[in-house]
């Protein structure tokens, strides 16, 4: 259930598959939920309004709500790895990263306004990125190339955040998120049900030790079509449904999001192919 990734840290510093070795990389087009030989994708979010009982698209929004979704534009190699990514945090604020590879196709540099140094392993995976202010991001991967840990440390060696994940049969089964100085913030557990094409996502929040659960339902394209969220007592809080429009490559180009049958958000993806 690749779409159901709650609170997961989005890591943009990705390498490339080494086709000559047993270790494989999860490429970037899969991380952003795309299929095929994609050259670029432009993702925008819109809110809705009713005019004379007619539902219409309103304007671009940077009010991401609970999902914290960010409009972005990205370009990819033919192997499905970033060459460029722009994240738009507001109408005035954006981050731009350019990805450089060596002659073997391994990631060797990321050009960004605040990146000063990047260290990759022999598979072209970024294991350390040191920013200009002294903050360092270090990352680790399992044998399948899945991200299993990353840690932000400031210039004085103080841990700002830490993330750990476990996979079983190449599926994410648990995540742990720690805040400053190693304080546990959240544990997330995933339980998959292949017979019903569903996954249960349970969050345990600390230090108050509250919890919540989400059950996600996917369609034949492995896109989430419904999510039901429950509070700690098991009472249903809300139902979110998703309606998609697809292109000929089975990538969705529009996603209509409804909360308790009320339209809330339209996501549009303009996709170009190699």
C-alpha atoms as a PDB file:
ATOM      1  CA  UNK A   1       0.000   0.000   0.000  1.00  0.00           C
ATOM      2  CA  UNK A   2       2.511   2.530  -1.159  1.00  0.00           C
ATOM      3  CA  UNK A   3       0.323   5.581  -0.666  1.00  0.00           C
ATOM      4  CA  UNK A   4      -0.373   5.022   3.007  1.00  0.00           C
ATOM      5  CA  UNK A   5       2.696   6.566   4.588  1.00  0.00           C
ATOM      6  CA  UNK A   6       1.663   8.690   7.539  1.00  0.00           C
ATOM      7  CA  UNK A   7       4.170  11.008   9.193  1.00  0.00           C
ATOM      8  CA  UNK A   8       7.001   9.445   7.169  1.00  0.00           C
ATOM      9  CA  UNK A   9       9.991  11.698   6.533  1.00  0.00           C
ATOM     10  CA  UNK A  10      10.345  12.460   2.835  1.00  0.00           C
ATOM     11  CA  UNK A  11      14.016  11.980   1.972  1.00  0.00           C
ATOM     12  CA  UNK A  12      15.026  13.649  -1.274  1.00  0.00           C
ATOM     13  CA  UNK A  13      18.685  12.567  -1.224  1.00  0.00           C
ATOM     14  CA  UNK A  14      18.342   9.391  -3.302  1.00  0.00           C
ATOM     15  CA  UNK A  15      20.877   7.438  -5.346  1.00  0.00           C
ATOM     16  CA  UNK A  16      20.401   5.020  -8.212  1.00  0.00           C
ATOM     17  CA  UNK A  17      20.090   1.265  -8.742  1.00  0.00           C
ATOM     18  CA  UNK A  18      23.361  -0.594  -9.187  1.00  0.00           C
ATOM     19  CA  UNK A  19      22.216  -3.167 -11.734  1.00  0.00           C
ATOM     20  CA  UNK A  20      25.362  -5.238 -11.237  1.00  0.00           C
ATOM     21  CA  UNK A  21      24.810  -6.004  -7.540  1.00  0.00           C
ATOM     22  CA  UNK A  22      22.201  -7.754  -5.417  1.00  0.00           C
ATOM     23  CA  UNK A  23      21.222  -4.600  -3.547  1.00  0.00           C
ATOM     24  CA  UNK A  24      18.515  -2.596  -5.246  1.00  0.00           C
ATOM     25  CA  UNK A  25      17.303   0.944  -4.787  1.00  0.00           C
ATOM     26  CA  UNK A  26      13.748   2.177  -4.538  1.00  0.00           C
ATOM     27  CA  UNK A  27      13.710   4.824  -7.228  1.00  0.00           C
ATOM     28  CA  UNK A  28      12.238   8.281  -6.809  1.00  0.00           C
ATOM     29  CA  UNK A  29       9.261   7.967  -9.157  1.00  0.00           C
ATOM     30  CA  UNK A  30       7.957   5.145  -6.959  1.00  0.00           C
ATOM     31  CA  UNK A  31       8.384   7.267  -3.852  1.00  0.00           C
ATOM     32  CA  UNK A  32       6.176   9.970  -5.388  1.00  0.00           C
ATOM     33  CA  UNK A  33       3.689   7.339  -6.622  1.00  0.00           C
ATOM     34  CA  UNK A  34       4.390   7.279 -10.367  1.00  0.00           C
ATOM     35  CA  UNK A  35       4.818   4.499 -12.915  1.00  0.00           C
ATOM     36  CA  UNK A  36       6.669   4.172 -16.201  1.00  0.00           C
ATOM     37  CA  UNK A  37       9.330   6.328 -17.851  1.00  0.00           C
ATOM     38  CA  UNK A  38       8.329   9.685 -16.381  1.00  0.00           C
ATOM     39  CA  UNK A  39      10.332  12.764 -17.397  1.00  0.00           C
ATOM     40  CA  UNK A  40       8.604  15.312 -15.154  1.00  0.00           C
ATOM     41  CA  UNK A  41       5.654  15.853 -12.834  1.00  0.00           C
ATOM     42  CA  UNK A  42       4.066  19.112 -11.712  1.00  0.00           C
ATOM     43  CA  UNK A  43       1.856  18.698  -8.612  1.00  0.00           C
ATOM     44  CA  UNK A  44      -0.610  21.391  -7.505  1.00  0.00           C
ATOM     45  CA  UNK A  45      -3.380  21.514  -4.889  1.00  0.00           C
ATOM     46  CA  UNK A  46      -6.700  23.315  -5.150  1.00  0.00           C
ATOM     47  CA  UNK A  47      -9.564  23.918  -2.747  1.00  0.00           C
ATOM     48  CA  UNK A  48     -13.229  23.863  -3.735  1.00  0.00           C
ATOM     49  CA  UNK A  49     -16.146  26.233  -3.499  1.00  0.00           C
ATOM     50  CA  UNK A  50     -19.859  25.999  -4.335  1.00  0.00           C
ATOM     51  CA  UNK A  51     -21.373  28.506  -6.774  1.00  0.00           C
ATOM     52  CA  UNK A  52     -25.137  28.102  -7.188  1.00  0.00           C
ATOM     53  CA  UNK A  53     -24.790  24.487  -5.990  1.00  0.00           C
ATOM     54  CA  UNK A  54     -22.127  23.798  -8.639  1.00  0.00           C
ATOM     55  CA  UNK A  55     -18.811  22.474  -7.412  1.00  0.00           C
ATOM     56  CA  UNK A  56     -15.902  24.351  -8.921  1.00  0.00           C
ATOM     57  CA  UNK A  57     -12.153  24.502  -8.502  1.00  0.00           C
ATOM     58  CA  UNK A  58     -11.082  27.496  -6.459  1.00  0.00           C
ATOM     59  CA  UNK A  59      -7.431  28.571  -6.306  1.00  0.00           C
ATOM     60  CA  UNK A  60      -4.089  27.012  -5.595  1.00  0.00           C
ATOM     61  CA  UNK A  61      -3.605  26.395  -1.922  1.00  0.00           C
ATOM     62  CA  UNK A  62      -0.619  26.183   0.405  1.00  0.00           C
ATOM     63  CA  UNK A  63      -2.869  25.329   3.344  1.00  0.00           C
ATOM     64  CA  UNK A  64      -1.840  21.687   3.583  1.00  0.00           C
ATOM     65  CA  UNK A  65      -3.815  20.798   6.700  1.00  0.00           C
ATOM     66  CA  UNK A  66      -3.140  17.491   8.436  1.00  0.00           C
ATOM     67  CA  UNK A  67      -1.426  15.945   5.425  1.00  0.00           C
ATOM     68  CA  UNK A  68       1.195  18.720   5.157  1.00  0.00           C
ATOM     69  CA  UNK A  69       1.354  18.269   1.412  1.00  0.00           C
ATOM     70  CA  UNK A  70       3.605  20.562  -0.572  1.00  0.00           C
ATOM     71  CA  UNK A  71       3.202  21.470  -4.273  1.00  0.00           C
ATOM     72  CA  UNK A  72       6.301  20.491  -6.200  1.00  0.00           C
ATOM     73  CA  UNK A  73       7.835  20.098  -9.643  1.00  0.00           C
ATOM     74  CA  UNK A  74      10.350  17.333 -10.372  1.00  0.00           C
ATOM     75  CA  UNK A  75      12.326  15.940 -13.299  1.00  0.00           C
ATOM     76  CA  UNK A  76      13.716  12.390 -13.524  1.00  0.00           C
ATOM     77  CA  UNK A  77      16.322  10.313 -15.307  1.00  0.00           C
ATOM     78  CA  UNK A  78      15.158   7.437 -17.496  1.00  0.00           C
ATOM     79  CA  UNK A  79      15.933   5.160 -14.548  1.00  0.00           C
ATOM     80  CA  UNK A  80      13.456   7.094 -12.399  1.00  0.00           C
ATOM     81  CA  UNK A  81      15.766   9.193 -10.215  1.00  0.00           C
ATOM     82  CA  UNK A  82      15.655  12.913  -9.580  1.00  0.00           C
ATOM     83  CA  UNK A  83      17.623  15.347 -11.689  1.00  0.00           C
ATOM     84  CA  UNK A  84      15.734  18.339 -10.282  1.00  0.00           C
ATOM     85  CA  UNK A  85      13.108  19.025  -7.625  1.00  0.00           C
ATOM     86  CA  UNK A  86      11.403  22.293  -6.623  1.00  0.00           C
ATOM     87  CA  UNK A  87       9.237  22.402  -3.495  1.00  0.00           C
ATOM     88  CA  UNK A  88       6.852  25.349  -3.137  1.00  0.00           C
ATOM     89  CA  UNK A  89       6.177  26.164   0.524  1.00  0.00           C
ATOM     90  CA  UNK A  90       4.237  29.349  -0.285  1.00  0.00           C
ATOM     91  CA  UNK A  91       3.781  31.757  -3.174  1.00  0.00           C
ATOM     92  CA  UNK A  92       7.118  33.353  -2.254  1.00  0.00           C
ATOM     93  CA  UNK A  93       9.108  30.501  -0.685  1.00  0.00           C
ATOM     94  CA  UNK A  94      10.635  27.531  -2.493  1.00  0.00           C
ATOM     95  CA  UNK A  95      13.529  25.091  -2.283  1.00  0.00           C
ATOM     96  CA  UNK A  96      15.366  23.832  -5.359  1.00  0.00           C
ATOM     97  CA  UNK A  97      17.658  20.795  -5.512  1.00  0.00           C
ATOM     98  CA  UNK A  98      19.689  19.574  -8.504  1.00  0.00           C
ATOM     99  CA  UNK A  99      21.036  16.003  -8.535  1.00  0.00           C
ATOM    100  CA  UNK A 100      24.350  15.139 -10.184  1.00  0.00           C
ATOM    101  CA  UNK A 101      25.486  11.605 -11.080  1.00  0.00           C
ATOM    102  CA  UNK A 102      28.820  10.088 -12.047  1.00  0.00           C
ATOM    103  CA  UNK A 103      29.490   8.149 -15.277  1.00  0.00           C
ATOM    104  CA  UNK A 104      28.152   4.965 -13.669  1.00  0.00           C
ATOM    105  CA  UNK A 105      24.876   6.659 -12.769  1.00  0.00           C
ATOM    106  CA  UNK A 106      25.595   6.962  -9.037  1.00  0.00           C
ATOM    107  CA  UNK A 107      24.475  10.025  -7.123  1.00  0.00           C
ATOM    108  CA  UNK A 108      27.516  12.118  -6.295  1.00  0.00           C
ATOM    109  CA  UNK A 109      26.261  15.634  -5.548  1.00  0.00           C
ATOM    110  CA  UNK A 110      23.152  17.629  -4.709  1.00  0.00           C
ATOM    111  CA  UNK A 111      23.258  21.310  -5.565  1.00  0.00           C
ATOM    112  CA  UNK A 112      21.072  23.386  -3.234  1.00  0.00           C
ATOM    113  CA  UNK A 113      21.264  26.779  -1.609  1.00  0.00           C
ATOM    114  CA  UNK A 114      22.225  25.367   1.797  1.00  0.00           C
ATOM    115  CA  UNK A 115      24.000  22.087   0.929  1.00  0.00           C
ATOM    116  CA  UNK A 116      27.756  22.140   1.401  1.00  0.00           C
ATOM    117  CA  UNK A 117      28.755  18.465   1.323  1.00  0.00           C
ATOM    118  CA  UNK A 118      27.238  15.089   0.487  1.00  0.00           C
ATOM    119  CA  UNK A 119      28.686  11.639   1.191  1.00  0.00           C
ATOM    120  CA  UNK A 120      27.356   8.561  -0.666  1.00  0.00           C
ATOM    121  CA  UNK A 121      27.974   4.860  -0.186  1.00  0.00           C
ATOM    122  CA  UNK A 122      29.164   2.563  -2.986  1.00  0.00           C
ATOM    123  CA  UNK A 123      25.595   2.193  -4.251  1.00  0.00           C
ATOM    124  CA  UNK A 124      25.184   5.950  -4.766  1.00  0.00           C
ATOM    125  CA  UNK A 125      22.914   6.351  -1.718  1.00  0.00           C
ATOM    126  CA  UNK A 126      23.315   9.523   0.336  1.00  0.00           C
ATOM    127  CA  UNK A 127      24.429   8.521   3.829  1.00  0.00           C
ATOM    128  CA  UNK A 128      25.408  11.988   5.027  1.00  0.00           C
ATOM    129  CA  UNK A 129      24.429  15.507   3.999  1.00  0.00           C
ATOM    130  CA  UNK A 130      26.055  18.416   5.844  1.00  0.00           C
ATOM    131  CA  UNK A 131      24.289  21.757   5.497  1.00  0.00           C
ATOM    132  CA  UNK A 132      25.939  25.155   5.536  1.00  0.00           C
ATOM    133  CA  UNK A 133      24.733  25.954   9.063  1.00  0.00           C
ATOM    134  CA  UNK A 134      26.451  22.860  10.437  1.00  0.00           C
ATOM    135  CA  UNK A 135      23.350  20.652  10.636  1.00  0.00           C
ATOM    136  CA  UNK A 136      23.945  17.089   9.422  1.00  0.00           C
ATOM    137  CA  UNK A 137      21.481  14.513   8.072  1.00  0.00           C
ATOM    138  CA  UNK A 138      22.739  10.919   8.221  1.00  0.00           C
ATOM    139  CA  UNK A 139      20.778   8.028   6.703  1.00  0.00           C
ATOM    140  CA  UNK A 140      20.879   4.220   6.674  1.00  0.00           C
ATOM    141  CA  UNK A 141      19.298   1.600   4.385  1.00  0.00           C
ATOM    142  CA  UNK A 142      18.486  -2.108   4.454  1.00  0.00           C
ATOM    143  CA  UNK A 143      19.615  -4.637   1.824  1.00  0.00           C
ATOM    144  CA  UNK A 144      16.575  -3.840  -0.339  1.00  0.00           C
ATOM    145  CA  UNK A 145      17.447  -0.143  -0.377  1.00  0.00           C
ATOM    146  CA  UNK A 146      14.633   0.902   1.974  1.00  0.00           C
ATOM    147  CA  UNK A 147      15.343   3.838   4.263  1.00  0.00           C
ATOM    148  CA  UNK A 148      15.477   2.455   7.816  1.00  0.00           C
ATOM    149  CA  UNK A 149      16.907   5.383   9.760  1.00  0.00           C
ATOM    150  CA  UNK A 150      17.877   9.019   9.530  1.00  0.00           C
ATOM    151  CA  UNK A 151      19.060  11.509  12.085  1.00  0.00           C
ATOM    152  CA  UNK A 152      19.375  15.294  12.174  1.00  0.00           C
ATOM    153  CA  UNK A 153      22.180  16.636  14.379  1.00  0.00           C
ATOM    154  CA  UNK A 154      23.029  20.294  14.908  1.00  0.00           C
ATOM    155  CA  UNK A 155      26.492  21.849  14.802  1.00  0.00           C
ATOM    156  CA  UNK A 156      27.006  21.038  18.495  1.00  0.00           C
ATOM    157  CA  UNK A 157      26.139  17.356  18.115  1.00  0.00           C
ATOM    158  CA  UNK A 158      22.674  17.722  19.642  1.00  0.00           C
ATOM    159  CA  UNK A 159      20.104  15.391  18.071  1.00  0.00           C
ATOM    160  CA  UNK A 160      17.230  17.427  16.602  1.00  0.00           C
ATOM    161  CA  UNK A 161      15.209  14.474  15.308  1.00  0.00           C
ATOM    162  CA  UNK A 162      15.613  10.764  14.687  1.00  0.00           C
ATOM    163  CA  UNK A 163      13.613   8.310  12.570  1.00  0.00           C
ATOM    164  CA  UNK A 164      13.747   4.499  12.536  1.00  0.00           C
ATOM    165  CA  UNK A 165      11.785   2.047  10.380  1.00  0.00           C
ATOM    166  CA  UNK A 166      11.404  -1.718  10.060  1.00  0.00           C
ATOM    167  CA  UNK A 167      10.437  -3.658   6.936  1.00  0.00           C
ATOM    168  CA  UNK A 168       9.224  -7.231   6.521  1.00  0.00           C
ATOM    169  CA  UNK A 169       8.973  -8.817   3.073  1.00  0.00           C
ATOM    170  CA  UNK A 170       9.853  -5.381   1.699  1.00  0.00           C
ATOM    171  CA  UNK A 171       6.794  -3.817   3.386  1.00  0.00           C
ATOM    172  CA  UNK A 172       6.952  -1.104   6.003  1.00  0.00           C
ATOM    173  CA  UNK A 173       5.719  -2.546   9.317  1.00  0.00           C
ATOM    174  CA  UNK A 174       6.752   0.010  11.942  1.00  0.00           C
ATOM    175  CA  UNK A 175       8.195   3.478  12.408  1.00  0.00           C
ATOM    176  CA  UNK A 176       9.548   5.361  15.394  1.00  0.00           C
ATOM    177  CA  UNK A 177      10.036   9.135  15.528  1.00  0.00           C
ATOM    178  CA  UNK A 178      12.113  10.891  18.118  1.00  0.00           C
ATOM    179  CA  UNK A 179      12.353  14.592  18.789  1.00  0.00           C
ATOM    180  CA  UNK A 180      15.081  16.714  20.284  1.00  0.00           C
ATOM    181  CA  UNK A 181      17.549  14.890  22.540  1.00  0.00           C
ATOM    182  CA  UNK A 182      16.066  11.507  21.695  1.00  0.00           C
ATOM    183  CA  UNK A 183      12.570  11.962  23.163  1.00  0.00           C
ATOM    184  CA  UNK A 184      10.100   9.483  21.651  1.00  0.00           C
ATOM    185  CA  UNK A 185       7.250  11.288  19.859  1.00  0.00           C
ATOM    186  CA  UNK A 186       5.373   8.628  17.910  1.00  0.00           C
ATOM    187  CA  UNK A 187       5.295   4.903  17.112  1.00  0.00           C
ATOM    188  CA  UNK A 188       3.428   3.847  13.957  1.00  0.00           C
ATOM    189  CA  UNK A 189       2.545   0.229  13.176  1.00  0.00           C
ATOM    190  CA  UNK A 190       1.252  -1.147   9.860  1.00  0.00           C
ATOM    191  CA  UNK A 191      -0.830  -4.314   9.453  1.00  0.00           C
ATOM    192  CA  UNK A 192      -1.590  -5.481   5.909  1.00  0.00           C
ATOM    193  CA  UNK A 193      -4.590  -7.547   4.749  1.00  0.00           C
ATOM    194  CA  UNK A 194      -4.045  -8.710   1.177  1.00  0.00           C
ATOM    195  CA  UNK A 195      -7.416 -10.475   0.973  1.00  0.00           C
ATOM    196  CA  UNK A 196      -9.292  -7.180   1.393  1.00  0.00           C
ATOM    197  CA  UNK A 197      -6.593  -4.893  -0.037  1.00  0.00           C
ATOM    198  CA  UNK A 198      -6.494  -2.909   3.185  1.00  0.00           C
ATOM    199  CA  UNK A 199      -3.928  -1.760   5.712  1.00  0.00           C
ATOM    200  CA  UNK A 200      -4.394  -0.723   9.329  1.00  0.00           C
ATOM    201  CA  UNK A 201      -2.174   2.121  10.509  1.00  0.00           C
ATOM    202  CA  UNK A 202      -2.003   2.632  14.281  1.00  0.00           C
ATOM    203  CA  UNK A 203      -0.239   5.622  15.833  1.00  0.00           C
ATOM    204  CA  UNK A 204       0.874   5.807  19.456  1.00  0.00           C
ATOM    205  CA  UNK A 205       1.724   9.344  20.587  1.00  0.00           C
ATOM    206  CA  UNK A 206       4.099  10.250  23.406  1.00  0.00           C
ATOM    207  CA  UNK A 207       4.468  11.473  26.119  1.00  0.00           C
ATOM    208  CA  UNK A 208       0.659  11.566  26.615  1.00  0.00           C
ATOM    209  CA  UNK A 209       0.374   7.945  25.370  1.00  0.00           C
ATOM    210  CA  UNK A 210      -2.725   8.538  23.260  1.00  0.00           C
ATOM    211  CA  UNK A 211      -3.405   6.567  20.078  1.00  0.00           C
ATOM    212  CA  UNK A 212      -5.328   6.647  16.820  1.00  0.00           C
ATOM    213  CA  UNK A 213      -6.027   4.257  13.977  1.00  0.00           C
ATOM    214  CA  UNK A 214      -6.596   4.590  10.260  1.00  0.00           C
ATOM    215  CA  UNK A 215      -7.845   1.846   7.934  1.00  0.00           C
ATOM    216  CA  UNK A 216      -6.982   2.387   4.280  1.00  0.00           C
ATOM    217  CA  UNK A 217      -8.608   0.698   1.273  1.00  0.00           C
ATOM    218  CA  UNK A 218      -6.873   0.511  -2.119  1.00  0.00           C
ATOM    219  CA  UNK A 219      -8.067  -0.154  -5.664  1.00  0.00           C
ATOM    220  CA  UNK A 220      -6.570  -2.402  -8.358  1.00  0.00           C
ATOM    221  CA  UNK A 221      -3.982   0.309  -9.186  1.00  0.00           C
ATOM    222  CA  UNK A 222      -2.836   0.274  -5.552  1.00  0.00           C
ATOM    223  CA  UNK A 223      -4.156   3.809  -5.047  1.00  0.00           C
ATOM    224  CA  UNK A 224      -5.982   4.570  -1.803  1.00  0.00           C
ATOM    225  CA  UNK A 225      -9.716   5.072  -2.402  1.00  0.00           C
ATOM    226  CA  UNK A 226     -10.932   5.328   1.203  1.00  0.00           C
ATOM    227  CA  UNK A 227      -9.497   6.006   4.649  1.00  0.00           C
ATOM    228  CA  UNK A 228     -11.453   5.684   7.879  1.00  0.00           C
ATOM    229  CA  UNK A 229      -9.918   7.230  11.001  1.00  0.00           C
ATOM    230  CA  UNK A 230     -10.758   6.270  14.584  1.00  0.00           C
ATOM    231  CA  UNK A 231      -9.978   7.874  17.926  1.00  0.00           C
ATOM    232  CA  UNK A 232      -8.448   6.129  20.922  1.00  0.00           C
ATOM    233  CA  UNK A 233     -11.784   4.675  22.046  1.00  0.00           C
ATOM    234  CA  UNK A 234     -12.402   3.161  18.605  1.00  0.00           C
ATOM    235  CA  UNK A 235     -15.053   5.703  17.632  1.00  0.00           C
ATOM    236  CA  UNK A 236     -15.031   6.684  13.980  1.00  0.00           C
ATOM    237  CA  UNK A 237     -13.829  10.253  13.513  1.00  0.00           C
ATOM    238  CA  UNK A 238     -14.091  10.759   9.763  1.00  0.00           C
ATOM    239  CA  UNK A 239     -14.128   9.026   6.380  1.00  0.00           C
ATOM    240  CA  UNK A 240     -11.977  10.320   3.552  1.00  0.00           C
ATOM    241  CA  UNK A 241     -12.590   9.095   0.010  1.00  0.00           C
ATOM    242  CA  UNK A 242     -10.556   9.635  -3.148  1.00  0.00           C
ATOM    243  CA  UNK A 243     -11.745   9.638  -6.781  1.00  0.00           C
ATOM    244  CA  UNK A 244      -9.120   9.460  -9.535  1.00  0.00           C
ATOM    245  CA  UNK A 245      -8.731  10.254 -13.210  1.00  0.00           C
ATOM    246  CA  UNK A 246      -5.971   8.291 -14.998  1.00  0.00           C
ATOM    247  CA  UNK A 247      -3.834   8.688 -18.096  1.00  0.00           C
ATOM    248  CA  UNK A 248      -2.962   5.902 -20.539  1.00  0.00           C
ATOM    249  CA  UNK A 249       0.024   4.855 -18.383  1.00  0.00           C
ATOM    250  CA  UNK A 250      -2.239   4.236 -15.358  1.00  0.00           C
ATOM    251  CA  UNK A 251      -0.855   7.234 -13.510  1.00  0.00           C
ATOM    252  CA  UNK A 252      -3.545   9.360 -11.941  1.00  0.00           C
ATOM    253  CA  UNK A 253      -3.684  12.966 -13.135  1.00  0.00           C
ATOM    254  CA  UNK A 254      -6.465  14.212 -10.848  1.00  0.00           C
ATOM    255  CA  UNK A 255      -7.453  13.152  -7.352  1.00  0.00           C
ATOM    256  CA  UNK A 256     -10.674  14.462  -5.781  1.00  0.00           C
ATOM    257  CA  UNK A 257     -10.631  14.233  -1.999  1.00  0.00           C
ATOM    258  CA  UNK A 258     -13.852  14.152   0.056  1.00  0.00           C
ATOM    259  CA  UNK A 259     -14.122  14.230   3.850  1.00  0.00           C
ATOM    260  CA  UNK A 260     -17.440  12.815   5.120  1.00  0.00           C
ATOM    261  CA  UNK A 261     -18.800  13.288   1.568  1.00  0.00           C
ATOM    262  CA  UNK A 262     -17.802  16.973   1.485  1.00  0.00           C
ATOM    263  CA  UNK A 263     -15.296  17.913  -1.261  1.00  0.00           C
ATOM    264  CA  UNK A 264     -12.113  19.297   0.297  1.00  0.00           C
ATOM    265  CA  UNK A 265      -9.160  19.118  -2.058  1.00  0.00           C
ATOM    266  CA  UNK A 266      -8.241  18.555  -5.688  1.00  0.00           C
ATOM    267  CA  UNK A 267      -4.732  17.374  -6.521  1.00  0.00           C
ATOM    268  CA  UNK A 268      -3.612  17.800 -10.132  1.00  0.00           C
ATOM    269  CA  UNK A 269      -0.526  16.171 -11.635  1.00  0.00           C
ATOM    270  CA  UNK A 270       0.780  17.229 -15.040  1.00  0.00           C
ATOM    271  CA  UNK A 271       2.961  14.310 -16.171  1.00  0.00           C
ATOM    272  CA  UNK A 272       5.384  14.214 -19.089  1.00  0.00           C
ATOM    273  CA  UNK A 273       7.148  11.060 -20.289  1.00  0.00           C
ATOM    274  CA  UNK A 274      10.549  10.352 -21.839  1.00  0.00           C
END
